[in-house]
Amino acid sequence: VAVTPPPSTEPAAPPIVPTQTSVTSVTTIEGFLDAARVDKERFLAPLQSLGVASVDDLKDVTDGDLDDMGMSALVKRRFLAEVANL
């Protein structure tokens, strides 16, 4: 005869909450840069000088534009990876 164990009395584990904002949920350029872990103090003004006025405009920023801003290879990879998620 099979015996069924009693129900667990341990509380359920809390849900996993992401610690970082998803770029798909941001509505400002500043929010995008924060979510992409890009220094907004350094790169916000150059992006705005290019004519970036909305998060959607970030899709039009080129690799060369990022080079001209002095963005390092690692930061460029982060930026472009997050743009691909928009």
PDB file of N, CA and C in Angstrom:
ATOM      1  N   VAL A   1       0.855  -1.169   0.000  1.00  0.00           N
ATOM      2  CA  VAL A   1       0.000   0.000   0.000  1.00  0.00           C
ATOM      3  C   VAL A   1       0.902   1.234   0.000  1.00  0.00           C
ATOM      4  N   ALA A   2       0.658   2.146  -0.940  1.00  0.00           N
ATOM      5  CA  ALA A   2       1.448   3.370  -1.039  1.00  0.00           C
ATOM      6  C   ALA A   2       0.975   4.376  -0.006  1.00  0.00           C
ATOM      7  N   VAL A   3       1.929   5.061   0.582  1.00  0.00           N
ATOM      8  CA  VAL A   3       1.601   6.080   1.580  1.00  0.00           C
ATOM      9  C   VAL A   3       1.896   7.443   0.976  1.00  0.00           C
ATOM     10  N   THR A   4       0.932   8.342   1.060  1.00  0.00           N
ATOM     11  CA  THR A   4       1.101   9.699   0.550  1.00  0.00           C
ATOM     12  C   THR A   4       1.695  10.564   1.650  1.00  0.00           C
ATOM     13  N   PRO A   5       2.793  11.273   1.353  1.00  0.00           N
ATOM     14  CA  PRO A   5       3.393  12.128   2.383  1.00  0.00           C
ATOM     15  C   PRO A   5       2.465  13.309   2.686  1.00  0.00           C
ATOM     16  N   PRO A   6       2.541  13.833   3.898  1.00  0.00           N
ATOM     17  CA  PRO A   6       1.699  14.990   4.245  1.00  0.00           C
ATOM     18  C   PRO A   6       2.127  16.216   3.438  1.00  0.00           C
ATOM     19  N   PRO A   7       1.210  17.165   3.227  1.00  0.00           N
ATOM     20  CA  PRO A   7       1.581  18.379   2.479  1.00  0.00           C
ATOM     21  C   PRO A   7       2.676  19.151   3.202  1.00  0.00           C
ATOM     22  N   SER A   8       3.499  19.834   2.438  1.00  0.00           N
ATOM     23  CA  SER A   8       4.612  20.600   2.995  1.00  0.00           C
ATOM     24  C   SER A   8       4.087  21.770   3.812  1.00  0.00           C
ATOM     25  N   THR A   9       4.751  22.026   4.923  1.00  0.00           N
ATOM     26  CA  THR A   9       4.370  23.167   5.758  1.00  0.00           C
ATOM     27  C   THR A   9       5.308  24.347   5.538  1.00  0.00           C
ATOM     28  N   GLU A  10       6.286  24.171   4.644  1.00  0.00           N
ATOM     29  CA  GLU A  10       7.218  25.256   4.356  1.00  0.00           C
ATOM     30  C   GLU A  10       6.526  26.298   3.475  1.00  0.00           C
ATOM     31  N   PRO A  11       6.796  27.584   3.727  1.00  0.00           N
ATOM     32  CA  PRO A  11       6.181  28.622   2.886  1.00  0.00           C
ATOM     33  C   PRO A  11       6.724  28.555   1.458  1.00  0.00           C
ATOM     34  N   ALA A  12       5.907  28.982   0.523  1.00  0.00           N
ATOM     35  CA  ALA A  12       6.329  28.995  -0.874  1.00  0.00           C
ATOM     36  C   ALA A  12       7.450  30.015  -1.053  1.00  0.00           C
ATOM     37  N   ALA A  13       8.347  29.727  -1.972  1.00  0.00           N
ATOM     38  CA  ALA A  13       9.452  30.652  -2.260  1.00  0.00           C
ATOM     39  C   ALA A  13       8.900  31.923  -2.886  1.00  0.00           C
ATOM     40  N   PRO A  14       9.476  33.075  -2.544  1.00  0.00           N
ATOM     41  CA  PRO A  14       8.996  34.322  -3.153  1.00  0.00           C
ATOM     42  C   PRO A  14       9.302  34.331  -4.644  1.00  0.00           C
ATOM     43  N   PRO A  15       8.505  35.060  -5.419  1.00  0.00           N
ATOM     44  CA  PRO A  15       8.765  35.109  -6.854  1.00  0.00           C
ATOM     45  C   PRO A  15      10.096  35.799  -7.152  1.00  0.00           C
ATOM     46  N   ILE A  16      10.715  35.419  -8.245  1.00  0.00           N
ATOM     47  CA  ILE A  16      11.967  36.037  -8.661  1.00  0.00           C
ATOM     48  C   ILE A  16      11.629  37.349  -9.364  1.00  0.00           C
ATOM     49  N   VAL A  17      12.212  38.411  -8.883  1.00  0.00           N
ATOM     50  CA  VAL A  17      11.967  39.734  -9.449  1.00  0.00           C
ATOM     51  C   VAL A  17      13.254  40.215 -10.094  1.00  0.00           C
ATOM     52  N   PRO A  18      13.208  40.587 -11.377  1.00  0.00           N
ATOM     53  CA  PRO A  18      14.435  41.053 -12.016  1.00  0.00           C
ATOM     54  C   PRO A  18      14.958  42.306 -11.329  1.00  0.00           C
ATOM     55  N   THR A  19      16.276  42.410 -11.243  1.00  0.00           N
ATOM     56  CA  THR A  19      16.878  43.573 -10.605  1.00  0.00           C
ATOM     57  C   THR A  19      17.149  44.691 -11.595  1.00  0.00           C
ATOM     58  N   GLN A  20      17.066  44.398 -12.863  1.00  0.00           N
ATOM     59  CA  GLN A  20      17.340  45.389 -13.876  1.00  0.00           C
ATOM     60  C   GLN A  20      16.098  45.645 -14.703  1.00  0.00           C
ATOM     61  N   THR A  21      15.923  46.873 -15.127  1.00  0.00           N
ATOM     62  CA  THR A  21      14.790  47.235 -15.956  1.00  0.00           C
ATOM     63  C   THR A  21      14.971  46.653 -17.344  1.00  0.00           C
ATOM     64  N   SER A  22      13.909  46.137 -17.894  1.00  0.00           N
ATOM     65  CA  SER A  22      13.946  45.633 -19.262  1.00  0.00           C
ATOM     66  C   SER A  22      13.888  46.815 -20.213  1.00  0.00           C
ATOM     67  N   VAL A  23      14.706  46.795 -21.253  1.00  0.00           N
ATOM     68  CA  VAL A  23      14.700  47.917 -22.195  1.00  0.00           C
ATOM     69  C   VAL A  23      13.388  48.013 -22.932  1.00  0.00           C
ATOM     70  N   THR A  24      12.660  46.928 -23.037  1.00  0.00           N
ATOM     71  CA  THR A  24      11.382  46.997 -23.748  1.00  0.00           C
ATOM     72  C   THR A  24      10.345  47.770 -22.954  1.00  0.00           C
ATOM     73  N   SER A  25      10.597  48.009 -21.668  1.00  0.00           N
ATOM     74  CA  SER A  25       9.633  48.737 -20.850  1.00  0.00           C
ATOM     75  C   SER A  25      10.019  50.197 -20.624  1.00  0.00           C
ATOM     76  N   VAL A  26      11.168  50.632 -21.127  1.00  0.00           N
ATOM     77  CA  VAL A  26      11.589  52.015 -20.899  1.00  0.00           C
ATOM     78  C   VAL A  26      10.948  52.943 -21.919  1.00  0.00           C
ATOM     79  N   THR A  27      10.730  54.171 -21.494  1.00  0.00           N
ATOM     80  CA  THR A  27      10.090  55.153 -22.381  1.00  0.00           C
ATOM     81  C   THR A  27      10.955  56.369 -22.624  1.00  0.00           C
ATOM     82  N   THR A  28      12.104  56.449 -21.953  1.00  0.00           N
ATOM     83  CA  THR A  28      12.990  57.593 -22.151  1.00  0.00           C
ATOM     84  C   THR A  28      14.372  57.112 -22.563  1.00  0.00           C
ATOM     85  N   ILE A  29      15.115  57.990 -23.198  1.00  0.00           N
ATOM     86  CA  ILE A  29      16.486  57.667 -23.590  1.00  0.00           C
ATOM     87  C   ILE A  29      17.324  57.401 -22.328  1.00  0.00           C
ATOM     88  N   GLU A  30      17.112  58.211 -21.305  1.00  0.00           N
ATOM     89  CA  GLU A  30      17.847  58.036 -20.050  1.00  0.00           C
ATOM     90  C   GLU A  30      17.561  56.652 -19.459  1.00  0.00           C
ATOM     91  N   GLY A  31      16.311  56.244 -19.474  1.00  0.00           N
ATOM     92  CA  GLY A  31      15.932  54.934 -18.965  1.00  0.00           C
ATOM     93  C   GLY A  31      16.556  53.812 -19.762  1.00  0.00           C
ATOM     94  N   PHE A  32      16.616  53.993 -21.086  1.00  0.00           N
ATOM     95  CA  PHE A  32      17.256  52.995 -21.942  1.00  0.00           C
ATOM     96  C   PHE A  32      18.731  52.858 -21.579  1.00  0.00           C
ATOM     97  N   LEU A  33      19.415  53.990 -21.449  1.00  0.00           N
ATOM     98  CA  LEU A  33      20.847  53.953 -21.136  1.00  0.00           C
ATOM     99  C   LEU A  33      21.090  53.291 -19.789  1.00  0.00           C
ATOM    100  N   ASP A  34      20.239  53.576 -18.810  1.00  0.00           N
ATOM    101  CA  ASP A  34      20.366  52.921 -17.506  1.00  0.00           C
ATOM    102  C   ASP A  34      20.173  51.414 -17.640  1.00  0.00           C
ATOM    103  N   ALA A  35      19.131  51.003 -18.344  1.00  0.00           N
ATOM    104  CA  ALA A  35      18.832  49.580 -18.504  1.00  0.00           C
ATOM    105  C   ALA A  35      19.941  48.860 -19.273  1.00  0.00           C
ATOM    106  N   ALA A  36      20.556  49.564 -20.228  1.00  0.00           N
ATOM    107  CA  ALA A  36      21.628  48.969 -21.036  1.00  0.00           C
ATOM    108  C   ALA A  36      22.991  49.073 -20.344  1.00  0.00           C
ATOM    109  N   ARG A  37      23.028  49.676 -19.169  1.00  0.00           N
ATOM    110  CA  ARG A  37      24.267  49.876 -18.409  1.00  0.00           C
ATOM    111  C   ARG A  37      25.290  50.695 -19.195  1.00  0.00           C
ATOM    112  N   VAL A  38      24.774  51.797 -19.788  1.00  0.00           N
ATOM    113  CA  VAL A  38      25.606  52.744 -20.537  1.00  0.00           C
ATOM    114  C   VAL A  38      25.590  54.057 -19.763  1.00  0.00           C
ATOM    115  N   ASP A  39      26.744  54.678 -19.595  1.00  0.00           N
ATOM    116  CA  ASP A  39      26.886  55.919 -18.820  1.00  0.00           C
ATOM    117  C   ASP A  39      26.106  57.054 -19.472  1.00  0.00           C
ATOM    118  N   LYS A  40      24.940  57.370 -18.885  1.00  0.00           N
ATOM    119  CA  LYS A  40      24.106  58.414 -19.485  1.00  0.00           C
ATOM    120  C   LYS A  40      24.732  59.803 -19.334  1.00  0.00           C
ATOM    121  N   GLU A  41      25.528  60.006 -18.294  1.00  0.00           N
ATOM    122  CA  GLU A  41      26.198  61.302 -18.124  1.00  0.00           C
ATOM    123  C   GLU A  41      27.157  61.574 -19.277  1.00  0.00           C
ATOM    124  N   ARG A  42      27.723  60.524 -19.808  1.00  0.00           N
ATOM    125  CA  ARG A  42      28.712  60.668 -20.888  1.00  0.00           C
ATOM    126  C   ARG A  42      28.078  60.618 -22.285  1.00  0.00           C
ATOM    127  N   PHE A  43      27.033  59.790 -22.462  1.00  0.00           N
ATOM    128  CA  PHE A  43      26.552  59.526 -23.817  1.00  0.00           C
ATOM    129  C   PHE A  43      25.184  60.117 -24.164  1.00  0.00           C
ATOM    130  N   LEU A  44      24.458  60.664 -23.198  1.00  0.00           N
ATOM    131  CA  LEU A  44      23.150  61.243 -23.505  1.00  0.00           C
ATOM    132  C   LEU A  44      23.271  62.441 -24.453  1.00  0.00           C
ATOM    133  N   ALA A  45      24.131  63.392 -24.125  1.00  0.00           N
ATOM    134  CA  ALA A  45      24.271  64.596 -24.965  1.00  0.00           C
ATOM    135  C   ALA A  45      24.723  64.259 -26.390  1.00  0.00           C
ATOM    136  N   PRO A  46      25.727  63.389 -26.579  1.00  0.00           N
ATOM    137  CA  PRO A  46      26.111  63.045 -27.948  1.00  0.00           C
ATOM    138  C   PRO A  46      24.970  62.374 -28.735  1.00  0.00           C
ATOM    139  N   LEU A  47      24.183  61.545 -28.065  1.00  0.00           N
ATOM    140  CA  LEU A  47      23.046  60.914 -28.752  1.00  0.00           C
ATOM    141  C   LEU A  47      22.021  61.972 -29.156  1.00  0.00           C
ATOM    142  N   GLN A  48      21.769  62.909 -28.257  1.00  0.00           N
ATOM    143  CA  GLN A  48      20.822  63.980 -28.577  1.00  0.00           C
ATOM    144  C   GLN A  48      21.367  64.863 -29.694  1.00  0.00           C
ATOM    145  N   SER A  49      22.682  65.061 -29.744  1.00  0.00           N
ATOM    146  CA  SER A  49      23.287  65.845 -30.831  1.00  0.00           C
ATOM    147  C   SER A  49      23.089  65.177 -32.183  1.00  0.00           C
ATOM    148  N   LEU A  50      23.002  63.840 -32.177  1.00  0.00           N
ATOM    149  CA  LEU A  50      22.728  63.111 -33.424  1.00  0.00           C
ATOM    150  C   LEU A  50      21.289  63.307 -33.888  1.00  0.00           C
ATOM    151  N   GLY A  51      20.436  63.739 -32.966  1.00  0.00           N
ATOM    152  CA  GLY A  51      19.023  63.896 -33.286  1.00  0.00           C
ATOM    153  C   GLY A  51      18.141  62.871 -32.614  1.00  0.00           C
ATOM    154  N   VAL A  52      18.720  62.064 -31.727  1.00  0.00           N
ATOM    155  CA  VAL A  52      17.928  61.073 -31.000  1.00  0.00           C
ATOM    156  C   VAL A  52      17.013  61.821 -30.031  1.00  0.00           C
ATOM    157  N   ALA A  53      15.704  61.663 -30.250  1.00  0.00           N
ATOM    158  CA  ALA A  53      14.723  62.344 -29.411  1.00  0.00           C
ATOM    159  C   ALA A  53      13.798  61.362 -28.697  1.00  0.00           C
ATOM    160  N   SER A  54      13.867  60.091 -29.080  1.00  0.00           N
ATOM    161  CA  SER A  54      13.016  59.075 -28.460  1.00  0.00           C
ATOM    162  C   SER A  54      13.763  57.747 -28.441  1.00  0.00           C
ATOM    163  N   VAL A  55      13.249  56.817 -27.667  1.00  0.00           N
ATOM    164  CA  VAL A  55      13.858  55.495 -27.589  1.00  0.00           C
ATOM    165  C   VAL A  55      13.858  54.842 -28.971  1.00  0.00           C
ATOM    166  N   ASP A  56      12.803  55.032 -29.721  1.00  0.00           N
ATOM    167  CA  ASP A  56      12.718  54.443 -31.060  1.00  0.00           C
ATOM    168  C   ASP A  56      13.826  54.959 -31.985  1.00  0.00           C
ATOM    169  N   ASP A  57      14.252  56.205 -31.786  1.00  0.00           N
ATOM    170  CA  ASP A  57      15.331  56.780 -32.605  1.00  0.00           C
ATOM    171  C   ASP A  57      16.659  56.052 -32.410  1.00  0.00           C
ATOM    172  N   LEU A  58      16.826  55.379 -31.287  1.00  0.00           N
ATOM    173  CA  LEU A  58      18.079  54.666 -31.011  1.00  0.00           C
ATOM    174  C   LEU A  58      18.346  53.575 -32.041  1.00  0.00           C
ATOM    175  N   LYS A  59      17.293  53.084 -32.693  1.00  0.00           N
ATOM    176  CA  LYS A  59      17.451  52.052 -33.721  1.00  0.00           C
ATOM    177  C   LYS A  59      18.232  52.562 -34.928  1.00  0.00           C
ATOM    178  N   ASP A  60      18.275  53.884 -35.103  1.00  0.00           N
ATOM    179  CA  ASP A  60      18.947  54.480 -36.255  1.00  0.00           C
ATOM    180  C   ASP A  60      20.390  54.881 -35.979  1.00  0.00           C
ATOM    181  N   VAL A  61      20.850  54.709 -34.755  1.00  0.00           N
ATOM    182  CA  VAL A  61      22.238  55.031 -34.405  1.00  0.00           C
ATOM    183  C   VAL A  61      23.136  53.936 -34.979  1.00  0.00           C
ATOM    184  N   THR A  62      24.192  54.349 -35.666  1.00  0.00           N
ATOM    185  CA  THR A  62      25.079  53.381 -36.321  1.00  0.00           C
ATOM    186  C   THR A  62      26.307  53.070 -35.459  1.00  0.00           C
ATOM    187  N   ASP A  63      26.976  52.014 -35.835  1.00  0.00           N
ATOM    188  CA  ASP A  63      28.226  51.628 -35.192  1.00  0.00           C
ATOM    189  C   ASP A  63      29.239  52.772 -35.273  1.00  0.00           C
ATOM    190  N   GLY A  64      29.286  53.433 -36.404  1.00  0.00           N
ATOM    191  CA  GLY A  64      30.195  54.564 -36.589  1.00  0.00           C
ATOM    192  C   GLY A  64      29.861  55.727 -35.672  1.00  0.00           C
ATOM    193  N   ASP A  65      28.555  55.968 -35.458  1.00  0.00           N
ATOM    194  CA  ASP A  65      28.142  57.025 -34.529  1.00  0.00           C
ATOM    195  C   ASP A  65      28.679  56.738 -33.132  1.00  0.00           C
ATOM    196  N   LEU A  66      28.589  55.476 -32.731  1.00  0.00           N
ATOM    197  CA  LEU A  66      29.059  55.096 -31.398  1.00  0.00           C
ATOM    198  C   LEU A  66      30.580  55.240 -31.295  1.00  0.00           C
ATOM    199  N   ASP A  67      31.286  54.894 -32.384  1.00  0.00           N
ATOM    200  CA  ASP A  67      32.735  55.087 -32.415  1.00  0.00           C
ATOM    201  C   ASP A  67      33.083  56.560 -32.277  1.00  0.00           C
ATOM    202  N   ASP A  68      32.352  57.412 -32.999  1.00  0.00           N
ATOM    203  CA  ASP A  68      32.606  58.854 -32.954  1.00  0.00           C
ATOM    204  C   ASP A  68      32.388  59.437 -31.558  1.00  0.00           C
ATOM    205  N   MET A  69      31.516  58.808 -30.769  1.00  0.00           N
ATOM    206  CA  MET A  69      31.255  59.256 -29.396  1.00  0.00           C
ATOM    207  C   MET A  69      32.336  58.776 -28.436  1.00  0.00           C
ATOM    208  N   GLY A  70      33.207  57.881 -28.910  1.00  0.00           N
ATOM    209  CA  GLY A  70      34.248  57.339 -28.044  1.00  0.00           C
ATOM    210  C   GLY A  70      33.766  56.192 -27.170  1.00  0.00           C
ATOM    211  N   MET A  71      32.706  55.515 -27.622  1.00  0.00           N
ATOM    212  CA  MET A  71      32.166  54.403 -26.844  1.00  0.00           C
ATOM    213  C   MET A  71      33.106  53.204 -26.971  1.00  0.00           C
ATOM    214  N   SER A  72      33.445  52.596 -25.834  1.00  0.00           N
ATOM    215  CA  SER A  72      34.325  51.428 -25.849  1.00  0.00           C
ATOM    216  C   SER A  72      33.615  50.236 -26.489  1.00  0.00           C
ATOM    217  N   ALA A  73      34.395  49.250 -26.891  1.00  0.00           N
ATOM    218  CA  ALA A  73      33.833  48.064 -27.548  1.00  0.00           C
ATOM    219  C   ALA A  73      32.818  47.356 -26.651  1.00  0.00           C
ATOM    220  N   LEU A  74      33.122  47.225 -25.372  1.00  0.00           N
ATOM    221  CA  LEU A  74      32.215  46.534 -24.456  1.00  0.00           C
ATOM    222  C   LEU A  74      30.898  47.291 -24.304  1.00  0.00           C
ATOM    223  N   VAL A  75      30.979  48.586 -24.113  1.00  0.00           N
ATOM    224  CA  VAL A  75      29.769  49.394 -23.949  1.00  0.00           C
ATOM    225  C   VAL A  75      28.964  49.395 -25.250  1.00  0.00           C
ATOM    226  N   LYS A  76      29.668  49.437 -26.375  1.00  0.00           N
ATOM    227  CA  LYS A  76      28.994  49.363 -27.674  1.00  0.00           C
ATOM    228  C   LYS A  76      28.211  48.067 -27.810  1.00  0.00           C
ATOM    229  N   ARG A  77      28.809  46.950 -27.387  1.00  0.00           N
ATOM    230  CA  ARG A  77      28.109  45.655 -27.455  1.00  0.00           C
ATOM    231  C   ARG A  77      26.853  45.680 -26.601  1.00  0.00           C
ATOM    232  N   ARG A  78      26.942  46.250 -25.402  1.00  0.00           N
ATOM    233  CA  ARG A  78      25.767  46.351 -24.525  1.00  0.00           C
ATOM    234  C   ARG A  78      24.682  47.191 -25.184  1.00  0.00           C
ATOM    235  N   PHE A  79      25.092  48.351 -25.702  1.00  0.00           N
ATOM    236  CA  PHE A  79      24.143  49.272 -26.335  1.00  0.00           C
ATOM    237  C   PHE A  79      23.440  48.596 -27.507  1.00  0.00           C
ATOM    238  N   LEU A  80      24.219  48.004 -28.412  1.00  0.00           N
ATOM    239  CA  LEU A  80      23.647  47.397 -29.616  1.00  0.00           C
ATOM    240  C   LEU A  80      22.790  46.170 -29.289  1.00  0.00           C
ATOM    241  N   ALA A  81      23.181  45.419 -28.269  1.00  0.00           N
ATOM    242  CA  ALA A  81      22.380  44.254 -27.867  1.00  0.00           C
ATOM    243  C   ALA A  81      21.022  44.705 -27.349  1.00  0.00           C
ATOM    244  N   GLU A  82      20.993  45.789 -26.600  1.00  0.00           N
ATOM    245  CA  GLU A  82      19.731  46.272 -26.065  1.00  0.00           C
ATOM    246  C   GLU A  82      18.875  46.943 -27.141  1.00  0.00           C
ATOM    247  N   VAL A  83      19.514  47.621 -28.088  1.00  0.00           N
ATOM    248  CA  VAL A  83      18.765  48.194 -29.216  1.00  0.00           C
ATOM    249  C   VAL A  83      18.072  47.076 -29.988  1.00  0.00           C
ATOM    250  N   ALA A  84      18.736  45.943 -30.137  1.00  0.00           N
ATOM    251  CA  ALA A  84      18.146  44.805 -30.850  1.00  0.00           C
ATOM    252  C   ALA A  84      16.900  44.285 -30.138  1.00  0.00           C
ATOM    253  N   ASN A  85      16.769  44.553 -28.837  1.00  0.00           N
ATOM    254  CA  ASN A  85      15.595  44.120 -28.077  1.00  0.00           C
ATOM    255  C   ASN A  85      14.435  45.090 -28.142  1.00  0.00           C
ATOM    256  N   LEU A  86      14.623  46.240 -28.778  1.00  0.00           N
ATOM    257  CA  LEU A  86      13.538  47.218 -28.873  1.00  0.00           C
ATOM    258  C   LEU A  86      12.494  46.785 -29.878  1.00  0.00           C
TER     259      LEU A  86
END
